[in-house]
């Protein structure tokens, strides 16, 4: 089994793996897990579909790696950064950000489209709750900190869905600046921070 490439061009293992991940991100984001075939992804890259299994062992593992979510760099770097400030950064980077590598939407929305698949649902829950929301929970006081962090997460996720998936007119036309003031007041209320 060889990594075929256009004549005169050699494809190396790292480049092929990276190209498969890039193609998988777009495919999974636009058509979902169940409607994306390994042959489609391999065809986008111009390689034998068997390479997908060689590098990732299964379609599920390819999805998990391609759609892995990370908190945007710097958002949680300062352990004392207030929740309102983290949410402001996530609103800008996630809800209002451009994600060309995922077809223009945040990977969370792409994962939602594939949430009928049990493994995808578990990945979504783990990455959302153990990633984004854990960072917020650690900054909130009180016995219900995890609940309040999840309410804040639901607010951000709902904004992303309303804006990107539903195309809600007012939210789609609103600027980041307009939206951030409303979101900040809601987050302050949920997090127990009084406005200055």
C-alpha atoms as a PDB file:
ATOM      1  CA  UNK A   1       0.000   0.000   0.000  1.00  0.00           C
ATOM      2  CA  UNK A   2       1.550   3.266  -1.077  1.00  0.00           C
ATOM      3  CA  UNK A   3       0.694   6.887  -0.622  1.00  0.00           C
ATOM      4  CA  UNK A   4      -0.111   7.877  -4.157  1.00  0.00           C
ATOM      5  CA  UNK A   5       0.421  11.447  -5.239  1.00  0.00           C
ATOM      6  CA  UNK A   6       0.436  13.398  -8.465  1.00  0.00           C
ATOM      7  CA  UNK A   7       3.362  12.541 -10.782  1.00  0.00           C
ATOM      8  CA  UNK A   8       6.553  14.304  -9.782  1.00  0.00           C
ATOM      9  CA  UNK A   9       5.288  14.930  -6.256  1.00  0.00           C
ATOM     10  CA  UNK A  10       6.124  12.804  -3.263  1.00  0.00           C
ATOM     11  CA  UNK A  11       3.822  12.682  -0.303  1.00  0.00           C
ATOM     12  CA  UNK A  12       5.286  12.096   3.135  1.00  0.00           C
ATOM     13  CA  UNK A  13       3.547  10.455   6.066  1.00  0.00           C
ATOM     14  CA  UNK A  14       3.108  13.615   8.159  1.00  0.00           C
ATOM     15  CA  UNK A  15       1.773  15.624   5.209  1.00  0.00           C
ATOM     16  CA  UNK A  16      -0.683  12.861   4.273  1.00  0.00           C
ATOM     17  CA  UNK A  17      -1.908  12.529   7.847  1.00  0.00           C
ATOM     18  CA  UNK A  18      -2.353  16.291   8.117  1.00  0.00           C
ATOM     19  CA  UNK A  19      -4.178  16.444   4.773  1.00  0.00           C
ATOM     20  CA  UNK A  20      -6.530  13.656   5.882  1.00  0.00           C
ATOM     21  CA  UNK A  21      -7.324  15.573   9.085  1.00  0.00           C
ATOM     22  CA  UNK A  22      -7.990  18.763   7.108  1.00  0.00           C
ATOM     23  CA  UNK A  23     -10.285  16.942   4.672  1.00  0.00           C
ATOM     24  CA  UNK A  24     -12.046  15.151   7.536  1.00  0.00           C
ATOM     25  CA  UNK A  25     -12.733  18.442   9.357  1.00  0.00           C
ATOM     26  CA  UNK A  26     -14.502  19.903   6.345  1.00  0.00           C
ATOM     27  CA  UNK A  27     -16.410  16.702   5.562  1.00  0.00           C
ATOM     28  CA  UNK A  28     -17.535  16.056   9.125  1.00  0.00           C
ATOM     29  CA  UNK A  29     -18.451  19.718   9.630  1.00  0.00           C
ATOM     30  CA  UNK A  30     -20.577  19.939   6.507  1.00  0.00           C
ATOM     31  CA  UNK A  31     -22.129  16.470   6.240  1.00  0.00           C
ATOM     32  CA  UNK A  32     -21.855  14.995   9.738  1.00  0.00           C
ATOM     33  CA  UNK A  33     -20.373  11.742  10.962  1.00  0.00           C
ATOM     34  CA  UNK A  34     -22.838   9.273   9.479  1.00  0.00           C
ATOM     35  CA  UNK A  35     -22.964  10.825   6.003  1.00  0.00           C
ATOM     36  CA  UNK A  36     -19.182  11.124   5.685  1.00  0.00           C
ATOM     37  CA  UNK A  37     -17.384   8.119   4.255  1.00  0.00           C
ATOM     38  CA  UNK A  38     -13.748   7.197   4.644  1.00  0.00           C
ATOM     39  CA  UNK A  39     -13.583   6.932   0.830  1.00  0.00           C
ATOM     40  CA  UNK A  40     -14.820  10.530   0.543  1.00  0.00           C
ATOM     41  CA  UNK A  41     -12.079  11.811   2.840  1.00  0.00           C
ATOM     42  CA  UNK A  42      -9.374   9.765   1.137  1.00  0.00           C
ATOM     43  CA  UNK A  43     -10.662  10.900  -2.264  1.00  0.00           C
ATOM     44  CA  UNK A  44     -10.403  14.552  -1.228  1.00  0.00           C
ATOM     45  CA  UNK A  45      -6.726  13.981  -0.483  1.00  0.00           C
ATOM     46  CA  UNK A  46      -6.074  11.650  -3.416  1.00  0.00           C
ATOM     47  CA  UNK A  47      -4.915   8.649  -1.392  1.00  0.00           C
ATOM     48  CA  UNK A  48      -5.993   5.051  -0.886  1.00  0.00           C
ATOM     49  CA  UNK A  49      -8.792   4.785   1.746  1.00  0.00           C
ATOM     50  CA  UNK A  50      -6.744   2.139   3.553  1.00  0.00           C
ATOM     51  CA  UNK A  51      -4.386   4.925   4.688  1.00  0.00           C
ATOM     52  CA  UNK A  52      -7.160   6.364   6.842  1.00  0.00           C
ATOM     53  CA  UNK A  53      -7.227   3.102   8.793  1.00  0.00           C
ATOM     54  CA  UNK A  54      -3.436   2.899   8.888  1.00  0.00           C
ATOM     55  CA  UNK A  55      -3.120   6.350  10.463  1.00  0.00           C
ATOM     56  CA  UNK A  56      -6.273   6.496  12.580  1.00  0.00           C
ATOM     57  CA  UNK A  57      -7.433   2.846  12.905  1.00  0.00           C
ATOM     58  CA  UNK A  58     -11.132   3.763  12.569  1.00  0.00           C
ATOM     59  CA  UNK A  59     -13.505   6.434  11.349  1.00  0.00           C
ATOM     60  CA  UNK A  60     -14.421   7.151  14.997  1.00  0.00           C
ATOM     61  CA  UNK A  61     -10.806   7.859  15.935  1.00  0.00           C
ATOM     62  CA  UNK A  62     -10.357  10.035  12.844  1.00  0.00           C
ATOM     63  CA  UNK A  63     -13.445  12.011  13.881  1.00  0.00           C
ATOM     64  CA  UNK A  64     -12.197  12.322  17.472  1.00  0.00           C
ATOM     65  CA  UNK A  65      -8.842  13.686  16.353  1.00  0.00           C
ATOM     66  CA  UNK A  66     -10.165  15.898  13.561  1.00  0.00           C
ATOM     67  CA  UNK A  67     -12.880  17.437  15.706  1.00  0.00           C
ATOM     68  CA  UNK A  68     -10.864  17.727  18.928  1.00  0.00           C
ATOM     69  CA  UNK A  69     -11.682  20.953  20.708  1.00  0.00           C
ATOM     70  CA  UNK A  70      -9.281  23.098  22.592  1.00  0.00           C
ATOM     71  CA  UNK A  71      -9.883  26.192  24.613  1.00  0.00           C
ATOM     72  CA  UNK A  72      -8.499  29.026  22.471  1.00  0.00           C
ATOM     73  CA  UNK A  73      -4.913  29.783  23.462  1.00  0.00           C
ATOM     74  CA  UNK A  74      -4.592  32.228  26.302  1.00  0.00           C
ATOM     75  CA  UNK A  75      -8.231  32.066  27.417  1.00  0.00           C
ATOM     76  CA  UNK A  76      -7.493  30.034  30.526  1.00  0.00           C
ATOM     77  CA  UNK A  77      -3.780  30.780  30.917  1.00  0.00           C
ATOM     78  CA  UNK A  78      -4.301  33.182  33.827  1.00  0.00           C
ATOM     79  CA  UNK A  79      -5.761  31.146  36.712  1.00  0.00           C
ATOM     80  CA  UNK A  80      -7.242  34.366  38.162  1.00  0.00           C
ATOM     81  CA  UNK A  81      -8.938  35.522  34.974  1.00  0.00           C
ATOM     82  CA  UNK A  82     -12.611  36.215  35.759  1.00  0.00           C
ATOM     83  CA  UNK A  83     -15.357  34.131  34.157  1.00  0.00           C
ATOM     84  CA  UNK A  84     -16.847  37.219  32.488  1.00  0.00           C
ATOM     85  CA  UNK A  85     -13.524  37.823  30.728  1.00  0.00           C
ATOM     86  CA  UNK A  86     -13.242  34.160  29.636  1.00  0.00           C
ATOM     87  CA  UNK A  87     -16.792  34.220  28.277  1.00  0.00           C
ATOM     88  CA  UNK A  88     -16.044  37.452  26.427  1.00  0.00           C
ATOM     89  CA  UNK A  89     -13.052  35.787  24.722  1.00  0.00           C
ATOM     90  CA  UNK A  90     -15.063  32.644  23.911  1.00  0.00           C
ATOM     91  CA  UNK A  91     -17.904  34.745  22.518  1.00  0.00           C
ATOM     92  CA  UNK A  92     -15.460  36.504  20.197  1.00  0.00           C
ATOM     93  CA  UNK A  93     -13.415  33.438  19.236  1.00  0.00           C
ATOM     94  CA  UNK A  94     -16.110  30.763  19.174  1.00  0.00           C
ATOM     95  CA  UNK A  95     -19.477  32.382  18.437  1.00  0.00           C
ATOM     96  CA  UNK A  96     -18.243  35.262  16.265  1.00  0.00           C
ATOM     97  CA  UNK A  97     -15.050  33.622  14.996  1.00  0.00           C
ATOM     98  CA  UNK A  98     -14.393  32.324  11.511  1.00  0.00           C
ATOM     99  CA  UNK A  99     -13.505  28.650  11.332  1.00  0.00           C
ATOM    100  CA  UNK A 100     -12.502  27.990   7.703  1.00  0.00           C
ATOM    101  CA  UNK A 101     -10.918  24.653   8.600  1.00  0.00           C
ATOM    102  CA  UNK A 102     -14.370  23.467   9.748  1.00  0.00           C
ATOM    103  CA  UNK A 103     -16.383  24.917   6.890  1.00  0.00           C
ATOM    104  CA  UNK A 104     -16.834  28.270   8.638  1.00  0.00           C
ATOM    105  CA  UNK A 105     -18.433  27.042  11.882  1.00  0.00           C
ATOM    106  CA  UNK A 106     -17.010  26.201  15.249  1.00  0.00           C
ATOM    107  CA  UNK A 107     -16.311  22.466  15.619  1.00  0.00           C
ATOM    108  CA  UNK A 108     -18.848  22.295  18.464  1.00  0.00           C
ATOM    109  CA  UNK A 109     -21.595  22.924  15.924  1.00  0.00           C
ATOM    110  CA  UNK A 110     -20.194  20.277  13.618  1.00  0.00           C
ATOM    111  CA  UNK A 111     -20.173  17.831  16.514  1.00  0.00           C
ATOM    112  CA  UNK A 112     -23.801  18.700  17.286  1.00  0.00           C
ATOM    113  CA  UNK A 113     -24.741  17.709  13.738  1.00  0.00           C
ATOM    114  CA  UNK A 114     -23.284  14.271  14.421  1.00  0.00           C
ATOM    115  CA  UNK A 115     -24.593  13.845  17.961  1.00  0.00           C
ATOM    116  CA  UNK A 116     -26.915  10.994  16.991  1.00  0.00           C
ATOM    117  CA  UNK A 117     -23.816   8.771  17.144  1.00  0.00           C
ATOM    118  CA  UNK A 118     -23.014   7.591  20.710  1.00  0.00           C
ATOM    119  CA  UNK A 119     -19.231   7.992  20.414  1.00  0.00           C
ATOM    120  CA  UNK A 120     -19.651  11.536  19.092  1.00  0.00           C
ATOM    121  CA  UNK A 121     -22.016  12.426  21.954  1.00  0.00           C
ATOM    122  CA  UNK A 122     -19.469  11.170  24.479  1.00  0.00           C
ATOM    123  CA  UNK A 123     -16.662  13.140  22.831  1.00  0.00           C
ATOM    124  CA  UNK A 124     -18.852  16.246  22.842  1.00  0.00           C
ATOM    125  CA  UNK A 125     -19.747  15.833  26.522  1.00  0.00           C
ATOM    126  CA  UNK A 126     -16.160  15.140  27.558  1.00  0.00           C
ATOM    127  CA  UNK A 127     -14.603  17.997  25.629  1.00  0.00           C
ATOM    128  CA  UNK A 128     -17.250  20.509  26.601  1.00  0.00           C
ATOM    129  CA  UNK A 129     -17.602  19.551  30.273  1.00  0.00           C
ATOM    130  CA  UNK A 130     -14.007  18.536  30.972  1.00  0.00           C
ATOM    131  CA  UNK A 131     -12.533  21.374  28.921  1.00  0.00           C
ATOM    132  CA  UNK A 132     -14.377  24.664  28.588  1.00  0.00           C
ATOM    133  CA  UNK A 133     -16.703  24.259  31.535  1.00  0.00           C
ATOM    134  CA  UNK A 134     -14.199  22.850  34.018  1.00  0.00           C
ATOM    135  CA  UNK A 135     -12.150  26.014  33.574  1.00  0.00           C
ATOM    136  CA  UNK A 136     -15.209  28.108  34.456  1.00  0.00           C
ATOM    137  CA  UNK A 137     -16.289  25.915  37.365  1.00  0.00           C
ATOM    138  CA  UNK A 138     -12.880  26.330  39.011  1.00  0.00           C
ATOM    139  CA  UNK A 139     -13.358  30.110  39.010  1.00  0.00           C
ATOM    140  CA  UNK A 140     -16.846  30.137  40.522  1.00  0.00           C
ATOM    141  CA  UNK A 141     -17.620  29.929  44.237  1.00  0.00           C
ATOM    142  CA  UNK A 142     -20.415  27.956  45.839  1.00  0.00           C
ATOM    143  CA  UNK A 143     -21.833  24.459  45.858  1.00  0.00           C
ATOM    144  CA  UNK A 144     -23.597  24.998  42.542  1.00  0.00           C
ATOM    145  CA  UNK A 145     -20.495  26.203  40.636  1.00  0.00           C
ATOM    146  CA  UNK A 146     -20.664  23.348  38.116  1.00  0.00           C
ATOM    147  CA  UNK A 147     -24.342  24.038  37.435  1.00  0.00           C
ATOM    148  CA  UNK A 148     -23.701  27.746  36.909  1.00  0.00           C
ATOM    149  CA  UNK A 149     -20.750  26.980  34.621  1.00  0.00           C
ATOM    150  CA  UNK A 150     -22.976  24.669  32.562  1.00  0.00           C
ATOM    151  CA  UNK A 151     -25.662  27.374  32.327  1.00  0.00           C
ATOM    152  CA  UNK A 152     -22.999  29.752  30.989  1.00  0.00           C
ATOM    153  CA  UNK A 153     -21.857  27.049  28.560  1.00  0.00           C
ATOM    154  CA  UNK A 154     -25.459  26.558  27.408  1.00  0.00           C
ATOM    155  CA  UNK A 155     -25.724  30.296  26.786  1.00  0.00           C
ATOM    156  CA  UNK A 156     -22.612  30.295  24.561  1.00  0.00           C
ATOM    157  CA  UNK A 157     -23.600  27.112  22.766  1.00  0.00           C
ATOM    158  CA  UNK A 158     -27.119  28.410  22.212  1.00  0.00           C
ATOM    159  CA  UNK A 159     -25.770  31.661  20.801  1.00  0.00           C
ATOM    160  CA  UNK A 160     -23.562  29.715  18.412  1.00  0.00           C
ATOM    161  CA  UNK A 161     -26.433  27.511  17.259  1.00  0.00           C
ATOM    162  CA  UNK A 162     -28.834  30.438  16.863  1.00  0.00           C
ATOM    163  CA  UNK A 163     -26.274  32.418  14.896  1.00  0.00           C
ATOM    164  CA  UNK A 164     -24.658  29.722  12.730  1.00  0.00           C
ATOM    165  CA  UNK A 165     -27.272  26.994  12.372  1.00  0.00           C
ATOM    166  CA  UNK A 166     -30.641  28.719  12.767  1.00  0.00           C
ATOM    167  CA  UNK A 167     -29.481  31.994  11.215  1.00  0.00           C
ATOM    168  CA  UNK A 168     -31.541  34.002  13.718  1.00  0.00           C
ATOM    169  CA  UNK A 169     -31.837  37.419  12.015  1.00  0.00           C
ATOM    170  CA  UNK A 170     -31.199  39.816  14.904  1.00  0.00           C
ATOM    171  CA  UNK A 171     -28.325  37.768  16.308  1.00  0.00           C
ATOM    172  CA  UNK A 172     -26.808  37.189  12.873  1.00  0.00           C
ATOM    173  CA  UNK A 173     -26.844  40.920  12.139  1.00  0.00           C
ATOM    174  CA  UNK A 174     -25.698  42.033  15.586  1.00  0.00           C
ATOM    175  CA  UNK A 175     -22.061  42.957  16.037  1.00  0.00           C
ATOM    176  CA  UNK A 176     -19.800  41.367  18.597  1.00  0.00           C
ATOM    177  CA  UNK A 177     -19.825  44.648  20.550  1.00  0.00           C
ATOM    178  CA  UNK A 178     -23.627  44.735  20.735  1.00  0.00           C
ATOM    179  CA  UNK A 179     -23.855  41.115  21.797  1.00  0.00           C
ATOM    180  CA  UNK A 180     -21.021  41.130  24.312  1.00  0.00           C
ATOM    181  CA  UNK A 181     -22.698  43.697  26.593  1.00  0.00           C
ATOM    182  CA  UNK A 182     -25.859  41.583  26.848  1.00  0.00           C
ATOM    183  CA  UNK A 183     -23.895  38.388  27.394  1.00  0.00           C
ATOM    184  CA  UNK A 184     -21.677  40.007  30.047  1.00  0.00           C
ATOM    185  CA  UNK A 185     -24.705  41.122  32.070  1.00  0.00           C
ATOM    186  CA  UNK A 186     -26.175  37.593  31.949  1.00  0.00           C
ATOM    187  CA  UNK A 187     -22.858  35.989  32.892  1.00  0.00           C
ATOM    188  CA  UNK A 188     -22.377  38.401  35.791  1.00  0.00           C
ATOM    189  CA  UNK A 189     -25.812  37.451  37.125  1.00  0.00           C
ATOM    190  CA  UNK A 190     -25.166  33.704  36.826  1.00  0.00           C
ATOM    191  CA  UNK A 191     -21.624  33.868  38.161  1.00  0.00           C
ATOM    192  CA  UNK A 192     -22.585  36.064  41.112  1.00  0.00           C
ATOM    193  CA  UNK A 193     -20.424  39.022  40.096  1.00  0.00           C
ATOM    194  CA  UNK A 194     -21.925  42.433  40.694  1.00  0.00           C
ATOM    195  CA  UNK A 195     -21.528  45.067  37.966  1.00  0.00           C
ATOM    196  CA  UNK A 196     -19.077  47.840  38.796  1.00  0.00           C
END
